[in-house]
Amino acid sequence: MAFFDWLRRLIEPKPRRESISQPITRRHRHVPIKPSVEPVQPSSTASTPPGLTAPTPTPQATQPAASTPTATLVVRLVDEANHPLQPALVITGALNATVKYRFPQIPGYALSRIHGFTQNFISEYGLTTVIYRRLLGKPIIGYLVDFDSGRLLALPQIHRGHLGVSFTLTPPTVDGYHIFQAQGPQRGIFSDHAQRVVYFYRRDSWEMVQRVHQYVFLQRDHDVYDEPNGSAYGYQFPADSLWRLFMIITLTNGDVWYNLGGNQWLRAADTLRRDHQLAHPAIAQKRLWQPEPFERLGTVDYVPGAAVTIYSEPYGEASGQLTHGEALDVRGRIIDDQHLTWYQIGPEAYINARYVRLVPINTI
């Protein structure tokens, strides 16, 4: 009987302290505590000795809980200036186990290099630094254009910068020219879209430029030049001939030059201008403009620090100048046969609409 007692103590759960004194008898059957897992069924070949109660099946041993991590890896996500881009990643695992993680994608940045890279937890504490490089934004392309001829004055300029970084542009200096207008963003940020800025220049020696639809009658033979005060081509336009005019240029020294299309220029001396090719050259022609009513307020929108010319009539003689930002009281409007708009700002004072910024009606 001593052997069976020893066997019972080996396979039965350890009884609670308060129930140790309760003997096992044949009248009272022992009720074991219900295990948390399914009990292992006793073998069918095992036999119970006569006179003893069959031992209660021993519950199967439960699996031990997952082992506590024994290694920690900190992953820092920084830019090239060592500034954090995101909170650091803290990864734990068993020592010498494989580190399983993926480097995150950060908008506007690209993975550049890694310091302290490891594939396994090789020590109790580890540090990995992931360095990202800011992406470049799309370029800003600057064009330098002769305003009057449309000719490129230099190769396009390409401005590059990192995505999201601000930029400020200034017009480049061009020998013999001054800045006339600029179109496009002068300030902003580099984005994922390409941008364009166009700088328009005018020659320093050109004081006034008029685009006209007129004709000129030559009273003598005229040499033809490649530009005002430029080089002669070696041929002449004959006297008593009529030519179409496209531009009239007044230089700073007072000389007047006519553009006959392309790079063909001649002096205004010994010529007569007229509005129509069939008009008699000896009779002075004056166009009777009839401005339509147009009452608005505005300002001169030209070049800061510069002045724009006003005329006695559209395409007529110059009658004065107005500085950039000067207030205007528009009284009438003329849209000519070239679909260009002129504003009447006085009895004999007209200004091209391209140099006027009207005040919005809702703010008047």
Protein backbone atom coordinates (compact mmCIF):
# COMPACT_ATOMS: atom_id res chain seq x y z
CA MET A 1 0.00 0.00 0.00
CA ALA A 2 2.91 2.34 0.55
CA PHE A 3 3.74 2.26 -3.17
CA PHE A 4 0.25 3.36 -4.19
CA ASP A 5 0.30 6.19 -1.69
CA TRP A 6 3.57 7.40 -3.21
CA LEU A 7 2.14 7.11 -6.74
CA ARG A 8 -0.99 9.05 -5.75
CA ARG A 9 1.08 11.88 -4.31
CA LEU A 10 3.13 12.01 -7.50
CA ILE A 11 0.30 12.33 -10.04
CA GLU A 12 -2.39 14.12 -8.00
CA PRO A 13 -2.42 17.94 -7.71
CA LYS A 14 -1.08 19.25 -4.46
CA PRO A 15 -4.10 19.64 -2.13
CA ARG A 16 -4.96 23.00 -0.61
CA ARG A 17 -3.50 23.66 2.81
CA GLU A 18 -6.91 23.68 4.53
CA SER A 19 -7.89 20.33 2.99
CA ILE A 20 -4.73 18.42 3.89
CA SER A 21 -6.28 17.04 7.09
CA GLN A 22 -9.27 15.59 5.26
CA PRO A 23 -8.64 11.86 4.78
CA ILE A 24 -9.63 9.99 1.68
CA THR A 25 -12.15 7.30 2.54
CA ARG A 26 -14.19 4.87 0.57
CA ARG A 27 -17.43 6.66 1.59
CA HIS A 28 -16.35 10.14 0.44
CA ARG A 29 -15.11 10.42 -3.10
CA HIS A 30 -12.42 13.08 -3.62
CA VAL A 31 -13.43 15.89 -6.08
CA PRO A 32 -10.39 17.46 -7.71
CA ILE A 33 -10.17 21.13 -8.63
CA LYS A 34 -11.14 21.64 -12.27
CA PRO A 35 -8.00 22.40 -14.28
CA SER A 36 -7.81 25.30 -16.73
CA VAL A 37 -7.00 22.94 -19.62
CA GLU A 38 -8.44 19.63 -20.75
CA PRO A 39 -7.15 16.75 -18.58
CA VAL A 40 -5.10 13.99 -20.14
CA GLN A 41 -7.19 10.81 -20.33
CA PRO A 42 -5.61 7.88 -18.46
CA SER A 43 -4.37 5.03 -20.52
CA SER A 44 -6.95 2.27 -21.15
CA THR A 45 -4.38 -0.33 -20.20
CA ALA A 46 -3.90 1.02 -16.68
CA SER A 47 -5.70 -1.01 -14.00
CA THR A 48 -6.84 0.07 -10.58
CA PRO A 49 -5.76 -2.20 -7.73
CA PRO A 50 -8.65 -3.67 -5.78
CA GLY A 51 -9.75 -1.70 -2.79
CA LEU A 52 -8.42 1.71 -4.03
CA THR A 53 -10.17 4.67 -5.60
CA ALA A 54 -8.99 5.43 -9.12
CA PRO A 55 -6.62 8.41 -9.09
CA THR A 56 -7.88 11.63 -10.62
CA PRO A 57 -6.24 12.36 -14.03
CA THR A 58 -3.47 14.91 -13.80
CA PRO A 59 -4.12 18.04 -15.94
CA GLN A 60 -1.73 18.63 -18.80
CA ALA A 61 0.94 21.17 -17.99
CA THR A 62 0.09 24.60 -19.49
CA GLN A 63 2.45 26.27 -21.96
CA PRO A 64 4.61 28.90 -20.29
CA ALA A 65 3.79 32.53 -21.14
CA ALA A 66 5.79 34.23 -23.87
CA SER A 67 9.21 35.06 -22.64
CA THR A 68 9.80 38.67 -21.65
CA PRO A 69 11.88 40.55 -24.26
CA THR A 70 15.49 40.67 -23.30
CA ALA A 71 16.72 43.17 -25.94
CA THR A 72 15.59 46.66 -27.00
CA LEU A 73 16.41 48.50 -30.24
CA VAL A 74 15.69 52.23 -30.66
CA VAL A 75 15.38 53.48 -34.26
CA ARG A 76 15.74 57.25 -34.75
CA LEU A 77 14.30 58.89 -37.91
CA VAL A 78 16.15 62.14 -38.65
CA ASP A 79 17.04 64.46 -41.53
CA GLU A 80 20.55 65.30 -42.65
CA ALA A 81 20.76 68.01 -39.96
CA ASN A 82 19.94 65.39 -37.28
CA HIS A 83 16.48 66.88 -36.69
CA PRO A 84 13.83 64.26 -35.80
CA LEU A 85 11.24 63.74 -38.53
CA GLN A 86 9.04 61.30 -36.58
CA PRO A 87 9.02 59.83 -33.07
CA ALA A 88 11.65 57.16 -32.58
CA LEU A 89 10.65 53.50 -33.00
CA VAL A 90 11.19 51.23 -29.96
CA ILE A 91 11.47 47.54 -30.93
CA THR A 92 11.85 44.72 -28.41
CA GLY A 93 12.60 41.06 -28.78
CA ALA A 94 14.67 38.16 -27.59
CA LEU A 95 18.41 38.45 -27.65
CA ASN A 96 19.93 37.22 -30.95
CA ALA A 97 16.46 37.02 -32.50
CA THR A 98 15.74 38.59 -35.90
CA VAL A 99 14.66 42.23 -35.90
CA LYS A 100 11.47 42.55 -37.94
CA TYR A 101 10.54 46.08 -38.96
CA ARG A 102 10.27 48.24 -42.06
CA PHE A 103 11.62 51.75 -42.51
CA PRO A 104 8.68 54.18 -42.86
CA GLN A 105 8.14 56.39 -45.91
CA ILE A 106 8.15 60.10 -45.03
CA PRO A 107 6.47 62.45 -47.55
CA GLY A 108 8.95 64.83 -49.15
CA TYR A 109 11.96 62.78 -48.08
CA ALA A 110 14.00 59.85 -49.40
CA LEU A 111 16.05 57.35 -47.40
CA SER A 112 19.70 58.40 -47.59
CA ARG A 113 21.78 56.20 -45.25
CA ILE A 114 21.64 54.18 -42.02
CA HIS A 115 23.95 54.23 -39.04
CA GLY A 116 24.04 51.20 -36.76
CA PHE A 117 22.04 48.89 -38.99
CA THR A 118 21.47 45.41 -37.57
CA GLN A 119 19.39 42.40 -38.53
CA ASN A 120 19.42 40.80 -35.07
CA PHE A 121 19.17 41.87 -31.46
CA ILE A 122 22.91 41.62 -30.80
CA SER A 123 22.92 43.38 -27.44
CA GLU A 124 20.58 44.21 -24.62
CA TYR A 125 20.26 47.82 -25.84
CA GLY A 126 20.90 49.05 -29.39
CA LEU A 127 20.54 52.26 -31.42
CA THR A 128 19.95 52.64 -35.17
CA THR A 129 19.80 56.05 -36.86
CA VAL A 130 17.95 56.29 -40.19
CA ILE A 131 18.85 59.46 -42.11
CA TYR A 132 16.48 60.90 -44.73
CA ARG A 133 17.29 63.46 -47.41
CA ARG A 134 14.76 66.12 -48.40
CA LEU A 135 13.66 65.76 -52.03
CA LEU A 136 14.28 68.50 -54.58
CA GLY A 137 11.27 70.43 -55.80
CA LYS A 138 10.49 70.94 -59.47
CA PRO A 139 12.62 73.71 -61.04
CA ILE A 140 11.73 77.33 -61.64
CA ILE A 141 12.78 78.34 -65.14
CA GLY A 142 13.55 82.00 -65.82
CA TYR A 143 13.49 83.47 -69.33
CA LEU A 144 15.19 86.77 -70.25
CA VAL A 145 13.34 88.30 -73.20
CA ASP A 146 13.64 91.51 -75.19
CA PHE A 147 10.17 92.97 -74.73
CA ASP A 148 10.07 94.73 -78.10
CA SER A 149 11.53 92.03 -80.34
CA GLY A 150 10.65 88.88 -78.39
CA ARG A 151 14.28 87.72 -78.67
CA LEU A 152 15.89 85.68 -75.90
CA LEU A 153 18.74 87.66 -74.38
CA ALA A 154 20.39 84.69 -72.63
CA LEU A 155 19.95 80.99 -72.03
CA PRO A 156 17.07 80.13 -69.67
CA GLN A 157 18.03 80.13 -66.00
CA ILE A 158 17.09 77.12 -63.87
CA HIS A 159 16.54 77.60 -60.15
CA ARG A 160 16.52 74.49 -57.95
CA GLY A 161 15.74 73.99 -54.28
CA HIS A 162 14.48 71.44 -51.79
CA LEU A 163 10.79 70.67 -51.66
CA GLY A 164 8.94 73.11 -49.41
CA VAL A 165 11.84 75.57 -49.13
CA SER A 166 11.02 79.22 -49.89
CA PHE A 167 12.64 81.18 -52.72
CA THR A 168 13.01 84.83 -53.73
CA LEU A 169 14.06 85.77 -57.26
CA THR A 170 15.50 89.03 -58.57
CA PRO A 171 15.82 90.04 -62.24
CA PRO A 172 19.31 89.34 -63.59
CA THR A 173 21.38 92.21 -64.95
CA VAL A 174 21.68 92.40 -68.75
CA ASP A 175 24.19 94.78 -70.33
CA GLY A 176 22.53 97.51 -72.36
CA TYR A 177 19.05 96.68 -71.06
CA HIS A 178 16.85 97.54 -68.10
CA ILE A 179 14.05 95.47 -66.62
CA PHE A 180 10.68 96.39 -68.05
CA GLN A 181 8.21 93.80 -66.78
CA ALA A 182 8.19 90.48 -64.98
CA GLN A 183 5.61 87.74 -65.25
CA GLY A 184 5.49 84.78 -62.92
CA PRO A 185 6.18 84.09 -59.24
CA GLN A 186 8.96 86.16 -57.72
CA ARG A 187 8.47 84.60 -54.28
CA GLY A 188 7.09 81.28 -53.11
CA ILE A 189 8.16 77.75 -52.28
CA PHE A 190 9.57 74.95 -54.37
CA SER A 191 6.73 72.52 -55.05
CA ASP A 192 6.16 69.36 -57.05
CA HIS A 193 5.08 71.46 -60.06
CA ALA A 194 7.47 73.27 -62.41
CA GLN A 195 7.12 77.06 -62.45
CA ARG A 196 8.06 79.73 -64.96
CA VAL A 197 9.03 83.38 -64.69
CA VAL A 198 9.62 85.67 -67.67
CA TYR A 199 11.69 88.84 -67.37
CA PHE A 200 11.06 91.43 -70.07
CA TYR A 201 13.82 93.91 -70.83
CA ARG A 202 14.02 97.06 -72.92
CA ARG A 203 17.14 98.68 -74.34
CA ASP A 204 18.58 101.48 -72.26
CA SER A 205 18.74 103.75 -75.32
CA TRP A 206 15.04 103.34 -76.14
CA GLU A 207 13.06 106.04 -74.39
CA MET A 208 9.66 105.51 -76.00
CA VAL A 209 8.18 102.67 -78.04
CA GLN A 210 4.93 102.89 -80.02
CA ARG A 211 3.36 99.93 -81.75
CA VAL A 212 1.40 101.31 -84.69
CA HIS A 213 -0.61 100.29 -87.72
CA GLN A 214 0.46 103.07 -90.02
CA TYR A 215 2.30 103.75 -93.25
CA VAL A 216 5.29 105.94 -94.12
CA PHE A 217 5.98 107.73 -97.36
CA LEU A 218 9.67 108.11 -98.21
CA GLN A 219 10.65 111.48 -99.67
CA ARG A 220 14.17 110.33 -100.52
CA ASP A 221 16.22 107.14 -100.67
CA HIS A 222 16.75 105.61 -97.22
CA ASP A 223 19.39 103.24 -95.97
CA VAL A 224 18.05 100.21 -94.11
CA TYR A 225 19.62 99.12 -90.77
CA ASP A 226 19.48 95.98 -88.67
CA GLU A 227 18.49 98.03 -85.56
CA PRO A 228 18.27 101.70 -84.54
CA ASN A 229 21.74 103.18 -84.84
CA GLY A 230 22.87 99.75 -85.98
CA SER A 231 24.65 98.46 -89.07
CA ALA A 232 23.43 99.26 -92.60
CA TYR A 233 22.52 96.35 -94.86
CA GLY A 234 24.01 97.93 -97.99
CA TYR A 235 20.76 98.51 -99.87
CA GLN A 236 18.20 101.32 -99.87
CA PHE A 237 14.46 101.78 -100.03
CA PRO A 238 13.72 104.20 -102.90
CA ALA A 239 12.15 107.63 -102.70
CA ASP A 240 8.41 108.04 -103.38
CA SER A 241 7.69 104.57 -101.97
CA LEU A 242 5.13 103.66 -99.30
CA TRP A 243 5.92 101.22 -96.47
CA ARG A 244 3.99 99.62 -93.64
CA LEU A 245 5.09 100.69 -90.13
CA PHE A 246 5.02 98.38 -87.13
CA MET A 247 6.91 100.33 -84.46
CA ILE A 248 8.13 103.85 -83.88
CA ILE A 249 11.12 104.15 -81.54
CA THR A 250 12.27 107.37 -79.92
CA LEU A 251 15.81 107.15 -78.55
CA THR A 252 17.17 108.95 -75.52
CA ASN A 253 19.04 111.34 -77.85
CA GLY A 254 15.76 112.29 -79.57
CA ASP A 255 16.25 110.32 -82.82
CA VAL A 256 13.17 108.61 -84.23
CA TRP A 257 13.36 105.28 -86.02
CA TYR A 258 10.76 103.27 -87.93
CA ASN A 259 10.48 99.51 -87.95
CA LEU A 260 9.33 98.07 -91.28
CA GLY A 261 9.08 94.48 -90.08
CA GLY A 262 11.66 92.09 -88.70
CA ASN A 263 15.11 93.65 -88.38
CA GLN A 264 14.56 96.41 -90.93
CA TRP A 265 14.87 99.93 -89.56
CA LEU A 266 15.20 103.37 -91.12
CA ARG A 267 15.46 106.93 -89.86
CA ALA A 268 12.34 109.08 -89.68
CA ALA A 269 13.99 112.02 -91.46
CA ASP A 270 12.44 113.03 -94.82
CA THR A 271 9.34 110.87 -94.36
CA LEU A 272 5.60 111.42 -94.00
CA ARG A 273 3.42 109.21 -91.83
CA ARG A 274 -0.22 108.46 -92.54
CA ASP A 275 -2.88 106.07 -91.33
CA HIS A 276 -3.98 104.54 -94.64
CA GLN A 277 -2.00 103.60 -97.72
CA LEU A 278 -4.45 105.35 -100.07
CA ALA A 279 -4.38 108.68 -98.25
CA HIS A 280 -2.54 111.47 -100.04
CA PRO A 281 0.92 111.84 -98.48
CA ALA A 282 0.88 115.62 -98.70
CA ILE A 283 -2.30 115.96 -96.60
CA ALA A 284 -1.96 115.56 -92.90
CA GLN A 285 -4.29 112.84 -91.71
CA LYS A 286 -5.86 112.89 -88.26
CA ARG A 287 -8.00 110.07 -86.99
CA LEU A 288 -11.17 111.06 -85.18
CA TRP A 289 -11.35 108.79 -82.16
CA GLN A 290 -14.67 108.38 -80.43
CA PRO A 291 -14.12 106.98 -76.94
CA GLU A 292 -17.04 105.16 -75.36
CA PRO A 293 -18.11 106.16 -71.84
CA PHE A 294 -16.09 104.31 -69.23
CA GLU A 295 -15.80 105.82 -65.76
CA ARG A 296 -13.45 104.00 -63.40
CA LEU A 297 -10.66 104.70 -60.96
CA GLY A 298 -7.24 103.13 -61.30
CA THR A 299 -3.48 103.44 -60.92
CA VAL A 300 -0.49 103.31 -63.24
CA ASP A 301 0.86 99.75 -63.31
CA TYR A 302 4.28 100.04 -64.88
CA VAL A 303 7.71 99.50 -63.31
CA PRO A 304 8.43 100.73 -59.76
CA GLY A 305 10.49 103.92 -59.93
CA ALA A 306 9.81 104.45 -63.65
CA ALA A 307 7.29 106.43 -65.70
CA VAL A 308 5.06 105.50 -68.62
CA THR A 309 4.29 107.75 -71.60
CA ILE A 310 0.79 109.03 -72.32
CA TYR A 311 -0.38 110.27 -75.73
CA SER A 312 -2.62 112.96 -77.15
CA GLU A 313 -4.50 110.17 -78.92
CA PRO A 314 -3.95 106.44 -79.47
CA TYR A 315 -0.73 106.05 -81.49
CA GLY A 316 -0.39 109.82 -81.52
CA GLU A 317 2.18 112.24 -80.20
CA ALA A 318 3.50 111.92 -76.66
CA SER A 319 1.88 114.37 -74.26
CA GLY A 320 3.61 113.53 -71.00
CA GLN A 321 4.54 110.80 -68.53
CA LEU A 322 3.01 109.27 -65.40
CA THR A 323 4.95 107.50 -62.67
CA HIS A 324 4.24 103.98 -61.44
CA GLY A 325 1.44 103.93 -58.84
CA GLU A 326 -0.02 107.33 -59.75
CA ALA A 327 -3.81 107.58 -59.41
CA LEU A 328 -5.93 107.73 -62.56
CA ASP A 329 -9.46 108.95 -63.27
CA VAL A 330 -10.53 107.02 -66.36
CA ARG A 331 -13.21 108.86 -68.39
CA GLY A 332 -13.49 106.82 -71.57
CA ARG A 333 -12.29 103.75 -73.43
CA ILE A 334 -11.22 103.02 -77.00
CA ILE A 335 -10.74 99.55 -78.51
CA ASP A 336 -8.87 99.96 -81.78
CA ASP A 337 -8.83 97.80 -84.90
CA GLN A 338 -6.02 95.69 -83.39
CA HIS A 339 -8.22 94.93 -80.37
CA LEU A 340 -5.94 96.97 -78.12
CA THR A 341 -7.59 98.99 -75.37
CA TRP A 342 -6.78 102.62 -74.56
CA TYR A 343 -8.11 104.60 -71.60
CA GLN A 344 -8.89 108.30 -71.85
CA ILE A 345 -7.66 110.07 -68.72
CA GLY A 346 -8.00 113.67 -69.97
CA PRO A 347 -9.21 115.78 -72.91
CA GLU A 348 -6.12 114.83 -74.96
CA ALA A 349 -4.53 112.21 -72.74
CA TYR A 350 -4.62 108.49 -73.46
CA ILE A 351 -2.76 105.59 -71.88
CA ASN A 352 -2.48 102.00 -73.03
CA ALA A 353 -4.65 99.72 -70.89
CA ARG A 354 -1.77 97.30 -70.29
CA TYR A 355 -0.23 99.92 -67.98
CA VAL A 356 -3.39 100.52 -65.93
CA ARG A 357 -4.70 98.64 -62.93
CA LEU A 358 -8.39 99.36 -62.39
CA VAL A 359 -9.84 99.55 -58.90
CA PRO A 360 -12.44 96.78 -58.43
CA ILE A 361 -15.97 98.15 -58.53
CA ASN A 362 -17.01 96.59 -55.20
CA THR A 363 -14.26 98.54 -53.39
CA ILE A 364 -15.13 101.94 -54.87
